[in-house]
Amino acid sequence: WTVVGAIRMPLLSFPRRMTVVQLRDRRLVIYSAIALDD
């Protein structure tokens, strides 16, 4: 699964992506973390 967010910077908003990989026993690997809403 992935989610696309944005980093607010002085001159522009820069897009970024977090990727979530579900391992075979439902543990998760979070790659390039983004703080998500509730």
PDB file of all heavy atoms in Angstrom:
ATOM      1  N   TRP A   1       0.860  -1.177   0.000  1.00  0.00           N
ATOM      2  CA  TRP A   1       0.000   0.000   0.000  1.00  0.00           C
ATOM      3  C   TRP A   1       0.903   1.235   0.000  1.00  0.00           C
ATOM      4  O   TRP A   1       2.013   1.206   0.536  1.00  0.00           O
ATOM      5  CB  TRP A   1      -0.874   0.053   1.244  1.00  0.00           C
ATOM      6  CG  TRP A   1      -1.978  -0.959   1.280  1.00  0.00           C
ATOM      7  CD1 TRP A   1      -3.311  -0.757   1.043  1.00  0.00           C
ATOM      8  CD2 TRP A   1      -1.855  -2.365   1.586  1.00  0.00           C
ATOM      9  NE1 TRP A   1      -4.006  -1.924   1.175  1.00  0.00           N
ATOM     10  CE2 TRP A   1      -3.151  -2.936   1.503  1.00  0.00           C
ATOM     11  CE3 TRP A   1      -0.780  -3.188   1.918  1.00  0.00           C
ATOM     12  CZ2 TRP A   1      -3.387  -4.281   1.746  1.00  0.00           C
ATOM     13  CZ3 TRP A   1      -1.020  -4.534   2.155  1.00  0.00           C
ATOM     14  CH2 TRP A   1      -2.312  -5.070   2.066  1.00  0.00           C
ATOM     15  N   THR A   2       0.446   2.318  -0.602  1.00  0.00           N
ATOM     16  CA  THR A   2       1.193   3.567  -0.538  1.00  0.00           C
ATOM     17  C   THR A   2       0.237   4.718  -0.228  1.00  0.00           C
ATOM     18  O   THR A   2      -0.977   4.631  -0.428  1.00  0.00           O
ATOM     19  CB  THR A   2       1.949   3.887  -1.848  1.00  0.00           C
ATOM     20  OG1 THR A   2       1.030   4.351  -2.843  1.00  0.00           O
ATOM     21  CG2 THR A   2       2.705   2.686  -2.366  1.00  0.00           C
ATOM     22  N   VAL A   3       0.825   5.787   0.280  1.00  0.00           N
ATOM     23  CA  VAL A   3       0.077   7.019   0.506  1.00  0.00           C
ATOM     24  C   VAL A   3       0.964   8.181   0.095  1.00  0.00           C
ATOM     25  O   VAL A   3       2.166   8.190   0.367  1.00  0.00           O
ATOM     26  CB  VAL A   3      -0.367   7.154   1.985  1.00  0.00           C
ATOM     27  CG1 VAL A   3       0.821   7.126   2.941  1.00  0.00           C
ATOM     28  CG2 VAL A   3      -1.203   8.409   2.203  1.00  0.00           C
ATOM     29  N   VAL A   4       0.374   9.136  -0.606  1.00  0.00           N
ATOM     30  CA  VAL A   4       1.120  10.307  -1.083  1.00  0.00           C
ATOM     31  C   VAL A   4       0.796  11.505  -0.209  1.00  0.00           C
ATOM     32  O   VAL A   4      -0.376  11.790   0.079  1.00  0.00           O
ATOM     33  CB  VAL A   4       0.774  10.622  -2.555  1.00  0.00           C
ATOM     34  CG1 VAL A   4       1.498  11.879  -3.023  1.00  0.00           C
ATOM     35  CG2 VAL A   4       1.133   9.436  -3.443  1.00  0.00           C
ATOM     36  N   GLY A   5       1.834  12.174   0.239  1.00  0.00           N
ATOM     37  CA  GLY A   5       1.669  13.376   1.039  1.00  0.00           C
ATOM     38  C   GLY A   5       2.456  14.520   0.452  1.00  0.00           C
ATOM     39  O   GLY A   5       2.937  14.455  -0.684  1.00  0.00           O
ATOM     40  N   ALA A   6       2.577  15.585   1.222  1.00  0.00           N
ATOM     41  CA  ALA A   6       3.309  16.759   0.762  1.00  0.00           C
ATOM     42  C   ALA A   6       4.062  17.377   1.928  1.00  0.00           C
ATOM     43  O   ALA A   6       3.573  17.381   3.063  1.00  0.00           O
ATOM     44  CB  ALA A   6       2.365  17.789   0.150  1.00  0.00           C
ATOM     45  N   ILE A   7       5.250  17.856   1.640  1.00  0.00           N
ATOM     46  CA  ILE A   7       6.045  18.586   2.620  1.00  0.00           C
ATOM     47  C   ILE A   7       5.916  20.068   2.309  1.00  0.00           C
ATOM     48  O   ILE A   7       6.201  20.504   1.192  1.00  0.00           O
ATOM     49  CB  ILE A   7       7.527  18.186   2.548  1.00  0.00           C
ATOM     50  CG1 ILE A   7       7.689  16.673   2.666  1.00  0.00           C
ATOM     51  CG2 ILE A   7       8.328  18.885   3.640  1.00  0.00           C
ATOM     52  CD1 ILE A   7       9.101  16.203   2.371  1.00  0.00           C
ATOM     53  N   ARG A   8       5.465  20.836   3.287  1.00  0.00           N
ATOM     54  CA  ARG A   8       5.393  22.284   3.087  1.00  0.00           C
ATOM     55  C   ARG A   8       6.780  22.873   3.216  1.00  0.00           C
ATOM     56  O   ARG A   8       7.449  22.726   4.234  1.00  0.00           O
ATOM     57  CB  ARG A   8       4.458  22.915   4.120  1.00  0.00           C
ATOM     58  CG  ARG A   8       2.993  22.506   3.985  1.00  0.00           C
ATOM     59  CD  ARG A   8       2.130  23.383   4.868  1.00  0.00           C
ATOM     60  NE  ARG A   8       0.728  22.994   4.873  1.00  0.00           N
ATOM     61  CZ  ARG A   8       0.158  22.251   5.818  1.00  0.00           C
ATOM     62  NH1 ARG A   8       0.889  21.829   6.843  1.00  0.00           N
ATOM     63  NH2 ARG A   8      -1.121  21.953   5.766  1.00  0.00           N
ATOM     64  N   MET A   9       7.221  23.547   2.149  1.00  0.00           N
ATOM     65  CA  MET A   9       8.531  24.182   2.130  1.00  0.00           C
ATOM     66  C   MET A   9       8.353  25.666   1.840  1.00  0.00           C
ATOM     67  O   MET A   9       7.276  26.084   1.396  1.00  0.00           O
ATOM     68  CB  MET A   9       9.417  23.493   1.083  1.00  0.00           C
ATOM     69  CG  MET A   9       9.564  21.995   1.310  1.00  0.00           C
ATOM     70  SD  MET A   9      10.535  21.148   0.048  1.00  0.00           S
ATOM     71  CE  MET A   9      12.181  21.697   0.493  1.00  0.00           C
ATOM     72  N   PRO A  10       9.388  26.490   2.093  1.00  0.00           N
ATOM     73  CA  PRO A  10       9.232  27.942   1.920  1.00  0.00           C
ATOM     74  C   PRO A  10       8.752  28.353   0.531  1.00  0.00           C
ATOM     75  O   PRO A  10       7.952  29.277   0.390  1.00  0.00           O
ATOM     76  CB  PRO A  10      10.635  28.483   2.216  1.00  0.00           C
ATOM     77  CG  PRO A  10      11.240  27.469   3.133  1.00  0.00           C
ATOM     78  CD  PRO A  10      10.701  26.151   2.672  1.00  0.00           C
ATOM     79  N   LEU A  11       9.234  27.678  -0.529  1.00  0.00           N
ATOM     80  CA  LEU A  11       8.923  28.108  -1.881  1.00  0.00           C
ATOM     81  C   LEU A  11       7.908  27.222  -2.595  1.00  0.00           C
ATOM     82  O   LEU A  11       7.378  27.615  -3.628  1.00  0.00           O
ATOM     83  CB  LEU A  11      10.214  28.193  -2.713  1.00  0.00           C
ATOM     84  CG  LEU A  11      11.239  29.224  -2.238  1.00  0.00           C
ATOM     85  CD1 LEU A  11      12.495  29.150  -3.101  1.00  0.00           C
ATOM     86  CD2 LEU A  11      10.657  30.631  -2.269  1.00  0.00           C
ATOM     87  N   LEU A  12       7.676  26.024  -2.081  1.00  0.00           N
ATOM     88  CA  LEU A  12       6.744  25.122  -2.753  1.00  0.00           C
ATOM     89  C   LEU A  12       6.359  23.990  -1.822  1.00  0.00           C
ATOM     90  O   LEU A  12       6.955  23.797  -0.767  1.00  0.00           O
ATOM     91  CB  LEU A  12       7.351  24.561  -4.039  1.00  0.00           C
ATOM     92  CG  LEU A  12       8.377  23.425  -3.922  1.00  0.00           C
ATOM     93  CD1 LEU A  12       8.560  22.772  -5.286  1.00  0.00           C
ATOM     94  CD2 LEU A  12       9.718  23.917  -3.406  1.00  0.00           C
ATOM     95  N   SER A  13       5.345  23.249  -2.246  1.00  0.00           N
ATOM     96  CA  SER A  13       4.945  22.027  -1.552  1.00  0.00           C
ATOM     97  C   SER A  13       5.516  20.853  -2.333  1.00  0.00           C
ATOM     98  O   SER A  13       5.281  20.724  -3.536  1.00  0.00           O
ATOM     99  CB  SER A  13       3.415  21.939  -1.492  1.00  0.00           C
ATOM    100  OG  SER A  13       3.015  20.750  -0.865  1.00  0.00           O
ATOM    101  N   PHE A  14       6.307  20.012  -1.642  1.00  0.00           N
ATOM    102  CA  PHE A  14       7.049  18.949  -2.323  1.00  0.00           C
ATOM    103  C   PHE A  14       6.383  17.602  -2.049  1.00  0.00           C
ATOM    104  O   PHE A  14       6.207  17.214  -0.893  1.00  0.00           O
ATOM    105  CB  PHE A  14       8.492  18.929  -1.831  1.00  0.00           C
ATOM    106  CG  PHE A  14       9.411  18.047  -2.630  1.00  0.00           C
ATOM    107  CD1 PHE A  14       9.678  18.335  -3.960  1.00  0.00           C
ATOM    108  CD2 PHE A  14      10.000  16.938  -2.053  1.00  0.00           C
ATOM    109  CE1 PHE A  14      10.531  17.530  -4.699  1.00  0.00           C
ATOM    110  CE2 PHE A  14      10.850  16.133  -2.784  1.00  0.00           C
ATOM    111  CZ  PHE A  14      11.122  16.420  -4.116  1.00  0.00           C
ATOM    112  N   PRO A  15       5.985  16.858  -3.097  1.00  0.00           N
ATOM    113  CA  PRO A  15       5.296  15.590  -2.880  1.00  0.00           C
ATOM    114  C   PRO A  15       6.234  14.496  -2.370  1.00  0.00           C
ATOM    115  O   PRO A  15       7.421  14.472  -2.706  1.00  0.00           O
ATOM    116  CB  PRO A  15       4.749  15.243  -4.269  1.00  0.00           C
ATOM    117  CG  PRO A  15       5.674  15.933  -5.211  1.00  0.00           C
ATOM    118  CD  PRO A  15       6.113  17.189  -4.523  1.00  0.00           C
ATOM    119  N   ARG A  16       5.690  13.603  -1.571  1.00  0.00           N
ATOM    120  CA  ARG A  16       6.462  12.463  -1.053  1.00  0.00           C
ATOM    121  C   ARG A  16       5.524  11.273  -0.884  1.00  0.00           C
ATOM    122  O   ARG A  16       4.304  11.434  -0.782  1.00  0.00           O
ATOM    123  CB  ARG A  16       7.115  12.803   0.290  1.00  0.00           C
ATOM    124  CG  ARG A  16       6.132  13.234   1.376  1.00  0.00           C
ATOM    125  CD  ARG A  16       6.810  13.423   2.705  1.00  0.00           C
ATOM    126  NE  ARG A  16       5.893  13.899   3.735  1.00  0.00           N
ATOM    127  CZ  ARG A  16       6.121  13.775   5.037  1.00  0.00           C
ATOM    128  NH1 ARG A  16       7.221  13.195   5.466  1.00  0.00           N
ATOM    129  NH2 ARG A  16       5.251  14.236   5.916  1.00  0.00           N
ATOM    130  N   ARG A  17       6.091  10.084  -0.828  1.00  0.00           N
ATOM    131  CA  ARG A  17       5.292   8.873  -0.763  1.00  0.00           C
ATOM    132  C   ARG A  17       5.818   7.954   0.344  1.00  0.00           C
ATOM    133  O   ARG A  17       7.028   7.754   0.469  1.00  0.00           O
ATOM    134  CB  ARG A  17       5.353   8.128  -2.100  1.00  0.00           C
ATOM    135  CG  ARG A  17       4.545   6.823  -2.137  1.00  0.00           C
ATOM    136  CD  ARG A  17       4.789   6.082  -3.456  1.00  0.00           C
ATOM    137  NE  ARG A  17       4.462   6.906  -4.602  1.00  0.00           N
ATOM    138  CZ  ARG A  17       3.246   6.986  -5.145  1.00  0.00           C
ATOM    139  NH1 ARG A  17       2.250   6.271  -4.631  1.00  0.00           N
ATOM    140  NH2 ARG A  17       3.039   7.750  -6.194  1.00  0.00           N
ATOM    141  N   MET A  18       4.903   7.389   1.109  1.00  0.00           N
ATOM    142  CA  MET A  18       5.227   6.333   2.061  1.00  0.00           C
ATOM    143  C   MET A  18       4.721   5.015   1.492  1.00  0.00           C
ATOM    144  O   MET A  18       3.641   4.950   0.906  1.00  0.00           O
ATOM    145  CB  MET A  18       4.569   6.585   3.420  1.00  0.00           C
ATOM    146  CG  MET A  18       4.807   5.481   4.447  1.00  0.00           C
ATOM    147  SD  MET A  18       4.119   5.875   6.081  1.00  0.00           S
ATOM    148  CE  MET A  18       2.390   5.435   5.838  1.00  0.00           C
ATOM    149  N   THR A  19       5.516   3.967   1.649  1.00  0.00           N
ATOM    150  CA  THR A  19       5.132   2.644   1.175  1.00  0.00           C
ATOM    151  C   THR A  19       5.037   1.694   2.365  1.00  0.00           C
ATOM    152  O   THR A  19       5.907   1.703   3.246  1.00  0.00           O
ATOM    153  CB  THR A  19       6.155   2.108   0.160  1.00  0.00           C
ATOM    154  OG1 THR A  19       6.217   3.008  -0.961  1.00  0.00           O
ATOM    155  CG2 THR A  19       5.763   0.725  -0.339  1.00  0.00           C
ATOM    156  N   VAL A  20       3.976   0.909   2.390  1.00  0.00           N
ATOM    157  CA  VAL A  20       3.739  -0.059   3.464  1.00  0.00           C
ATOM    158  C   VAL A  20       3.710  -1.449   2.851  1.00  0.00           C
ATOM    159  O   VAL A  20       2.970  -1.696   1.900  1.00  0.00           O
ATOM    160  CB  VAL A  20       2.401   0.224   4.182  1.00  0.00           C
ATOM    161  CG1 VAL A  20       2.153  -0.812   5.285  1.00  0.00           C
ATOM    162  CG2 VAL A  20       2.384   1.639   4.758  1.00  0.00           C
ATOM    163  N   VAL A  21       4.531  -2.345   3.394  1.00  0.00           N
ATOM    164  CA  VAL A  21       4.582  -3.725   2.914  1.00  0.00           C
ATOM    165  C   VAL A  21       4.113  -4.646   4.032  1.00  0.00           C
ATOM    166  O   VAL A  21       4.617  -4.574   5.159  1.00  0.00           O
ATOM    167  CB  VAL A  21       6.003  -4.117   2.468  1.00  0.00           C
ATOM    168  CG1 VAL A  21       6.040  -5.584   2.019  1.00  0.00           C
ATOM    169  CG2 VAL A  21       6.485  -3.200   1.346  1.00  0.00           C
ATOM    170  N   GLN A  22       3.155  -5.494   3.715  1.00  0.00           N
ATOM    171  CA  GLN A  22       2.619  -6.446   4.690  1.00  0.00           C
ATOM    172  C   GLN A  22       3.382  -7.767   4.571  1.00  0.00           C
ATOM    173  O   GLN A  22       3.385  -8.401   3.519  1.00  0.00           O
ATOM    174  CB  GLN A  22       1.131  -6.666   4.430  1.00  0.00           C
ATOM    175  CG  GLN A  22       0.423  -7.531   5.442  1.00  0.00           C
ATOM    176  CD  GLN A  22      -1.023  -7.781   5.024  1.00  0.00           C
ATOM    177  OE1 GLN A  22      -1.276  -8.391   3.985  1.00  0.00           O
ATOM    178  NE2 GLN A  22      -1.953  -7.285   5.814  1.00  0.00           N
ATOM    179  N   LEU A  23       4.062  -8.150   5.641  1.00  0.00           N
ATOM    180  CA  LEU A  23       4.768  -9.421   5.665  1.00  0.00           C
ATOM    181  C   LEU A  23       3.773 -10.561   5.844  1.00  0.00           C
ATOM    182  O   LEU A  23       2.596 -10.344   6.121  1.00  0.00           O
ATOM    183  CB  LEU A  23       5.804  -9.420   6.788  1.00  0.00           C
ATOM    184  CG  LEU A  23       6.865  -8.305   6.694  1.00  0.00           C
ATOM    185  CD1 LEU A  23       7.751  -8.305   7.926  1.00  0.00           C
ATOM    186  CD2 LEU A  23       7.700  -8.457   5.433  1.00  0.00           C
ATOM    187  N   ARG A  24       4.254 -11.790   5.717  1.00  0.00           N
ATOM    188  CA  ARG A  24       3.341 -12.919   5.657  1.00  0.00           C
ATOM    189  C   ARG A  24       2.597 -13.173   6.957  1.00  0.00           C
ATOM    190  O   ARG A  24       1.556 -13.827   6.958  1.00  0.00           O
ATOM    191  CB  ARG A  24       4.096 -14.184   5.246  1.00  0.00           C
ATOM    192  CG  ARG A  24       5.239 -14.598   6.158  1.00  0.00           C
ATOM    193  CD  ARG A  24       5.931 -15.801   5.601  1.00  0.00           C
ATOM    194  NE  ARG A  24       7.093 -16.188   6.406  1.00  0.00           N
ATOM    195  CZ  ARG A  24       7.852 -17.233   6.114  1.00  0.00           C
ATOM    196  NH1 ARG A  24       7.577 -17.973   5.051  1.00  0.00           N
ATOM    197  NH2 ARG A  24       8.894 -17.526   6.877  1.00  0.00           N
ATOM    198  N   ASP A  25       3.099 -12.660   8.079  1.00  0.00           N
ATOM    199  CA  ASP A  25       2.392 -12.828   9.359  1.00  0.00           C
ATOM    200  C   ASP A  25       1.742 -11.521   9.817  1.00  0.00           C
ATOM    201  O   ASP A  25       1.513 -11.310  10.991  1.00  0.00           O
ATOM    202  CB  ASP A  25       3.337 -13.357  10.427  1.00  0.00           C
ATOM    203  CG  ASP A  25       4.568 -12.470  10.585  1.00  0.00           C
ATOM    204  OD1 ASP A  25       4.660 -11.447   9.857  1.00  0.00           O
ATOM    205  OD2 ASP A  25       5.424 -12.790  11.417  1.00  0.00           O
ATOM    206  N   ARG A  26       1.457 -10.640   8.857  1.00  0.00           N
ATOM    207  CA  ARG A  26       0.754  -9.379   9.084  1.00  0.00           C
ATOM    208  C   ARG A  26       1.579  -8.368   9.889  1.00  0.00           C
ATOM    209  O   ARG A  26       1.041  -7.366  10.361  1.00  0.00           O
ATOM    210  CB  ARG A  26      -0.612  -9.613   9.745  1.00  0.00           C
ATOM    211  CG  ARG A  26      -1.581 -10.345   8.845  1.00  0.00           C
ATOM    212  CD  ARG A  26      -2.938 -10.547   9.536  1.00  0.00           C
ATOM    213  NE  ARG A  26      -3.526  -9.281   9.958  1.00  0.00           N
ATOM    214  CZ  ARG A  26      -4.197  -8.454   9.151  1.00  0.00           C
ATOM    215  NH1 ARG A  26      -4.337  -8.758   7.871  1.00  0.00           N
ATOM    216  NH2 ARG A  26      -4.720  -7.344   9.611  1.00  0.00           N
ATOM    217  N   ARG A  27       2.864  -8.572  10.007  1.00  0.00           N
ATOM    218  CA  ARG A  27       3.726  -7.486  10.460  1.00  0.00           C
ATOM    219  C   ARG A  27       3.914  -6.531   9.280  1.00  0.00           C
ATOM    220  O   ARG A  27       3.829  -6.939   8.128  1.00  0.00           O
ATOM    221  CB  ARG A  27       5.075  -8.028  10.937  1.00  0.00           C
ATOM    222  CG  ARG A  27       5.004  -8.865  12.210  1.00  0.00           C
ATOM    223  CD  ARG A  27       6.336  -9.544  12.482  1.00  0.00           C
ATOM    224  NE  ARG A  27       6.705 -10.394  11.358  1.00  0.00           N
ATOM    225  CZ  ARG A  27       7.930 -10.458  10.831  1.00  0.00           C
ATOM    226  NH1 ARG A  27       8.909  -9.728  11.327  1.00  0.00           N
ATOM    227  NH2 ARG A  27       8.183 -11.256   9.809  1.00  0.00           N
ATOM    228  N   LEU A  28       4.180  -5.273   9.583  1.00  0.00           N
ATOM    229  CA  LEU A  28       4.284  -4.261   8.533  1.00  0.00           C
ATOM    230  C   LEU A  28       5.682  -3.664   8.475  1.00  0.00           C
ATOM    231  O   LEU A  28       6.307  -3.397   9.504  1.00  0.00           O
ATOM    232  CB  LEU A  28       3.267  -3.136   8.759  1.00  0.00           C
ATOM    233  CG  LEU A  28       1.795  -3.519   8.821  1.00  0.00           C
ATOM    234  CD1 LEU A  28       0.953  -2.261   9.065  1.00  0.00           C
ATOM    235  CD2 LEU A  28       1.346  -4.229   7.549  1.00  0.00           C
ATOM    236  N   VAL A  29       6.133  -3.436   7.253  1.00  0.00           N
ATOM    237  CA  VAL A  29       7.347  -2.661   7.001  1.00  0.00           C
ATOM    238  C   VAL A  29       6.916  -1.286   6.512  1.00  0.00           C
ATOM    239  O   VAL A  29       6.196  -1.169   5.508  1.00  0.00           O
ATOM    240  CB  VAL A  29       8.241  -3.333   5.940  1.00  0.00           C
ATOM    241  CG1 VAL A  29       9.485  -2.483   5.680  1.00  0.00           C
ATOM    242  CG2 VAL A  29       8.625  -4.746   6.365  1.00  0.00           C
ATOM    243  N   ILE A  30       7.342  -0.255   7.218  1.00  0.00           N
ATOM    244  CA  ILE A  30       7.030   1.130   6.853  1.00  0.00           C
ATOM    245  C   ILE A  30       8.271   1.721   6.197  1.00  0.00           C
ATOM    246  O   ILE A  30       9.322   1.846   6.826  1.00  0.00           O
ATOM    247  CB  ILE A  30       6.636   1.963   8.087  1.00  0.00           C
ATOM    248  CG1 ILE A  30       5.580   1.241   8.935  1.00  0.00           C
ATOM    249  CG2 ILE A  30       6.171   3.346   7.660  1.00  0.00           C
ATOM    250  CD1 ILE A  30       4.279   0.993   8.240  1.00  0.00           C
ATOM    251  N   TYR A  31       8.157   2.101   4.929  1.00  0.00           N
ATOM    252  CA  TYR A  31       9.289   2.631   4.168  1.00  0.00           C
ATOM    253  C   TYR A  31       9.052   4.106   3.902  1.00  0.00           C
ATOM    254  O   TYR A  31       8.054   4.480   3.282  1.00  0.00           O
ATOM    255  CB  TYR A  31       9.420   1.848   2.858  1.00  0.00           C
ATOM    256  CG  TYR A  31      10.551   2.258   1.938  1.00  0.00           C
ATOM    257  CD1 TYR A  31      11.766   1.579   1.955  1.00  0.00           C
ATOM    258  CD2 TYR A  31      10.399   3.293   1.023  1.00  0.00           C
ATOM    259  CE1 TYR A  31      12.802   1.925   1.088  1.00  0.00           C
ATOM    260  CE2 TYR A  31      11.424   3.649   0.160  1.00  0.00           C
ATOM    261  CZ  TYR A  31      12.625   2.961   0.197  1.00  0.00           C
ATOM    262  OH  TYR A  31      13.639   3.314  -0.662  1.00  0.00           O
ATOM    263  N   SER A  32       9.957   4.953   4.392  1.00  0.00           N
ATOM    264  CA  SER A  32       9.860   6.400   4.226  1.00  0.00           C
ATOM    265  C   SER A  32       8.591   6.933   4.893  1.00  0.00           C
ATOM    266  O   SER A  32       7.638   7.371   4.240  1.00  0.00           O
ATOM    267  CB  SER A  32       9.900   6.801   2.742  1.00  0.00           C
ATOM    268  OG  SER A  32      10.097   8.186   2.603  1.00  0.00           O
ATOM    269  N   ALA A  33       8.604   6.920   6.210  1.00  0.00           N
ATOM    270  CA  ALA A  33       7.401   7.166   7.019  1.00  0.00           C
ATOM    271  C   ALA A  33       6.817   8.570   6.847  1.00  0.00           C
ATOM    272  O   ALA A  33       7.543   9.555   6.706  1.00  0.00           O
ATOM    273  CB  ALA A  33       7.712   6.926   8.494  1.00  0.00           C
ATOM    274  N   ILE A  34       5.490   8.611   6.885  1.00  0.00           N
ATOM    275  CA  ILE A  34       4.723   9.852   6.917  1.00  0.00           C
ATOM    276  C   ILE A  34       3.752   9.751   8.087  1.00  0.00           C
ATOM    277  O   ILE A  34       3.093   8.721   8.269  1.00  0.00           O
ATOM    278  CB  ILE A  34       3.933  10.064   5.611  1.00  0.00           C
ATOM    279  CG1 ILE A  34       4.877  10.299   4.426  1.00  0.00           C
ATOM    280  CG2 ILE A  34       2.962  11.236   5.738  1.00  0.00           C
ATOM    281  CD1 ILE A  34       4.160  10.422   3.087  1.00  0.00           C
ATOM    282  N   ALA A  35       3.638  10.805   8.873  1.00  0.00           N
ATOM    283  CA  ALA A  35       2.650  10.842   9.947  1.00  0.00           C
ATOM    284  C   ALA A  35       1.264  10.992   9.330  1.00  0.00           C
ATOM    285  O   ALA A  35       0.999  11.952   8.605  1.00  0.00           O
ATOM    286  CB  ALA A  35       2.941  12.001  10.893  1.00  0.00           C
ATOM    287  N   LEU A  36       0.374  10.042   9.612  1.00  0.00           N
ATOM    288  CA  LEU A  36      -0.958  10.029   9.018  1.00  0.00           C
ATOM    289  C   LEU A  36      -2.006  10.532  10.013  1.00  0.00           C
ATOM    290  O   LEU A  36      -1.803  10.481  11.232  1.00  0.00           O
ATOM    291  CB  LEU A  36      -1.321   8.605   8.581  1.00  0.00           C
ATOM    292  CG  LEU A  36      -0.382   7.927   7.585  1.00  0.00           C
ATOM    293  CD1 LEU A  36      -0.870   6.518   7.285  1.00  0.00           C
ATOM    294  CD2 LEU A  36      -0.257   8.740   6.303  1.00  0.00           C
ATOM    295  N   ASP A  37      -3.134  10.960   9.474  1.00  0.00           N
ATOM    296  CA  ASP A  37      -4.231  11.370  10.346  1.00  0.00           C
ATOM    297  C   ASP A  37      -4.880  10.131  10.966  1.00  0.00           C
ATOM    298  O   ASP A  37      -4.555   8.981  10.625  1.00  0.00           O
ATOM    299  CB  ASP A  37      -5.256  12.231   9.594  1.00  0.00           C
ATOM    300  CG  ASP A  37      -5.900  11.515   8.404  1.00  0.00           C
ATOM    301  OD1 ASP A  37      -5.971  10.267   8.408  1.00  0.00           O
ATOM    302  OD2 ASP A  37      -6.348  12.207   7.476  1.00  0.00           O
ATOM    303  N   ASP A  38      -5.809  10.350  11.888  1.00  0.00           N
ATOM    304  CA  ASP A  38      -6.402   9.240  12.640  1.00  0.00           C
ATOM    305  C   ASP A  38      -7.107   8.243  11.728  1.00  0.00           C
ATOM    306  O   ASP A  38      -7.022   7.021  11.933  1.00  0.00           O
ATOM    307  CB  ASP A  38      -7.382   9.774  13.683  1.00  0.00           C
ATOM    308  CG  ASP A  38      -6.688  10.530  14.813  1.00  0.00           C
ATOM    309  OD1 ASP A  38      -5.457  10.351  14.962  1.00  0.00           O
ATOM    310  OD2 ASP A  38      -7.371  11.290  15.522  1.00  0.00           O
TER     311      ASP A  38
END
